[in-house]
Protein backbone atom coordinates (compact mmCIF):
# COMPACT_ATOMS: atom_id res chain seq x y z
CA MET A 1 127.41 115.85 114.56
CA ASP A 2 126.63 115.77 110.83
CA THR A 3 122.97 116.61 110.22
CA THR A 4 123.15 116.59 106.43
CA PRO A 5 120.41 114.27 105.15
CA ASN A 6 121.16 111.54 102.64
CA SER A 7 120.72 112.89 99.14
CA ILE A 8 118.53 111.40 96.46
CA ALA A 9 119.67 111.12 92.87
CA LEU A 10 117.51 110.34 89.85
CA THR A 11 118.75 108.31 86.90
CA PHE A 12 116.75 108.37 83.66
CA LEU A 13 115.48 104.85 82.95
CA ALA A 14 113.19 105.15 79.91
CA ARG A 15 110.48 107.03 78.08
CA ILE A 16 107.21 105.14 77.91
CA ASP A 17 104.82 106.28 75.18
CA VAL A 18 101.42 104.79 75.98
CA ASP A 19 98.82 104.78 73.20
CA VAL A 20 95.32 105.21 74.62
CA ALA A 21 91.73 104.96 73.40
CA ASP A 22 89.06 107.58 74.01
CA PRO A 23 87.94 107.63 77.65
CA SER A 24 84.88 105.71 78.76
CA ASP A 25 83.15 108.28 80.96
CA LEU A 26 81.18 106.58 83.72
CA GLY A 27 79.89 109.84 85.18
CA VAL A 28 79.48 110.18 88.93
CA VAL A 29 79.78 106.79 90.63
CA ALA A 30 79.58 106.57 94.43
CA GLY A 31 80.08 110.33 94.68
CA GLU A 32 83.10 110.57 92.36
CA HIS A 33 83.38 111.29 88.64
CA ARG A 34 85.11 108.28 87.10
CA ARG A 35 86.56 107.39 83.71
CA ILE A 36 88.37 104.38 82.30
CA VAL A 37 90.93 104.84 79.53
CA SER A 38 91.97 101.69 77.68
CA ILE A 39 95.66 101.21 76.92
CA ILE A 40 96.08 99.94 73.36
CA GLY A 41 99.87 99.75 72.96
CA GLY A 42 102.98 101.88 72.85
CA THR A 43 106.74 101.85 73.16
CA VAL A 44 109.43 101.83 75.84
CA ASP A 45 112.76 103.38 74.90
CA GLY A 46 115.69 104.32 77.09
CA PRO A 47 119.08 103.40 78.46
CA GLY A 48 117.52 101.17 81.15
CA LEU A 49 114.52 99.59 79.42
CA SER A 50 113.43 99.04 75.83
CA GLY A 51 110.42 97.24 74.44
CA ARG A 52 106.72 97.75 73.97
CA VAL A 53 103.57 98.47 75.93
CA LEU A 54 101.16 95.55 75.69
CA PRO A 55 97.54 96.23 74.77
CA GLY A 56 94.91 95.38 77.35
CA GLY A 57 95.76 97.64 80.25
CA ALA A 58 93.72 100.55 81.52
CA ASP A 59 93.93 103.83 83.39
CA PHE A 60 91.22 104.16 86.05
CA GLN A 61 90.61 107.84 86.70
CA ARG A 62 88.92 109.92 89.40
CA LEU A 63 88.19 113.51 88.42
CA ARG A 64 87.95 115.82 91.40
CA ILE A 65 85.60 118.77 91.48
CA ASP A 66 88.57 121.18 91.08
CA GLY A 67 89.67 119.37 87.90
CA THR A 68 92.55 117.47 89.51
CA GLN A 69 92.80 113.93 88.15
CA GLU A 70 93.86 110.95 90.27
CA LEU A 71 95.06 108.14 88.02
CA ASP A 72 95.61 104.44 88.61
CA ALA A 73 97.06 102.80 85.49
CA ARG A 74 97.82 99.09 85.22
CA TYR A 75 99.44 97.57 82.17
CA GLY A 76 102.07 95.20 80.86
CA LEU A 77 105.41 95.77 79.16
CA GLU A 78 107.33 93.35 77.00
CA LEU A 79 111.05 94.05 76.91
CA GLU A 80 113.29 93.39 73.91
CA ASP A 81 114.53 90.15 75.50
CA GLY A 82 110.93 88.88 75.80
CA THR A 83 110.59 89.49 79.54
CA ARG A 84 107.15 90.70 80.55
CA LEU A 85 106.69 93.20 83.35
CA TYR A 86 103.55 94.32 85.17
CA VAL A 87 103.25 98.04 85.95
CA GLU A 88 101.03 99.74 88.52
CA ASN A 89 101.27 103.50 88.13
CA GLN A 90 99.67 105.98 90.52
CA ALA A 91 99.61 109.55 89.21
CA LEU A 92 98.32 113.02 89.85
CA ARG A 93 97.49 115.59 87.17
CA ALA A 94 96.64 119.10 88.32
CA GLY A 95 96.43 122.61 86.97
CA ASP A 96 94.11 125.58 86.71
CA PRO A 97 90.50 124.39 86.40
CA GLU A 98 90.08 125.72 82.84
CA VAL A 99 93.27 123.97 81.71
CA MET A 100 92.16 120.71 83.30
CA ALA A 101 88.72 121.00 81.69
CA ARG A 102 90.39 121.33 78.29
CA LEU A 103 92.57 118.31 79.02
CA ALA A 104 89.53 116.29 80.14
CA ARG A 105 87.81 117.15 76.83
CA GLY A 106 90.78 115.67 74.96
CA GLU A 107 92.25 118.97 73.80
CA ARG A 108 95.98 119.52 73.40
CA VAL A 109 97.34 121.51 76.36
CA ASP A 110 100.76 123.06 76.93
CA PRO A 111 102.41 120.51 79.27
CA SER A 112 104.05 123.28 81.29
CA LEU A 113 100.55 124.20 82.53
CA VAL A 114 99.89 120.77 84.04
CA TYR A 115 101.53 119.17 87.06
CA PHE A 116 101.74 115.49 86.05
CA ARG A 117 103.81 113.22 88.30
CA SER A 118 103.60 109.52 89.01
CA THR A 119 105.08 106.65 90.96
CA PRO A 120 105.30 103.59 88.71
CA ARG A 121 105.73 100.29 90.50
CA VAL A 122 107.24 97.58 88.31
CA HIS A 123 106.75 93.88 89.03
CA ALA A 124 109.27 91.62 87.30
CA PRO A 125 109.73 87.85 87.21
CA ALA A 126 112.82 86.14 88.60
CA GLY A 127 115.83 86.78 86.41
CA PRO A 128 117.75 89.75 85.06
CA TRP A 129 114.98 92.31 85.71
CA GLU A 130 113.91 91.30 89.22
CA TRP A 131 115.99 94.15 90.70
CA LEU A 132 113.10 96.41 89.58
CA ASN A 133 110.96 94.79 92.31
CA ARG A 134 113.21 96.43 94.88
CA ARG A 135 113.42 99.97 93.48
CA ILE A 136 111.33 103.12 93.60
CA LEU A 137 110.61 104.92 90.35
CA LEU A 138 109.31 108.42 89.68
CA ALA A 139 107.96 109.80 86.43
CA THR A 140 106.94 113.04 84.82
CA GLY A 141 104.11 112.88 82.34
CA GLU A 142 102.45 114.59 79.44
CA ARG A 143 98.95 113.84 78.11
CA THR A 144 98.11 114.41 74.47
CA PRO A 145 94.78 113.51 72.85
CA ASP A 146 95.83 109.93 71.99
CA ARG A 147 98.87 109.24 74.12
CA VAL A 148 100.49 109.52 77.52
CA GLN A 149 104.23 110.10 77.60
CA LEU A 150 106.10 109.18 80.78
CA ASP A 151 109.75 109.90 81.47
CA VAL A 152 110.66 107.36 84.14
CA TYR A 153 113.52 107.81 86.60
CA LEU A 154 115.14 105.40 89.02
CA VAL A 155 115.52 106.80 92.55
CA GLU A 156 119.12 106.07 93.59
């Protein structure tokens, strides 16, 4: 009997550079430190998707006591052919508490010191991009003072 599990392959889909505003720090709300970061634009560039990030989205953040950040970003993309996609992206950023404190203050941090992974979920209209509704995506991320860079992969 073959007990080898099915393998998973990742195919690079695109790099999404998300331009962000300064965080709106809400402080502790219902026992959790919360921030909202407005998404003001950006670009999408890759072999699978190309276009732009639409302004108007936001990243809703929960900052844990240990510095770990739970992220829930929601925003729109407009592809080169005019198709608009809706993205829901759940992410986790973690690292040593002092590194995470620097990141939370908006300082530039060596990305190798931060675990930043996400699971973007793309919602597409009927047509040539609707296959994205039936796929799982994974991303690695990097946060700079004014931008979030996501390298998005299709799980095969």
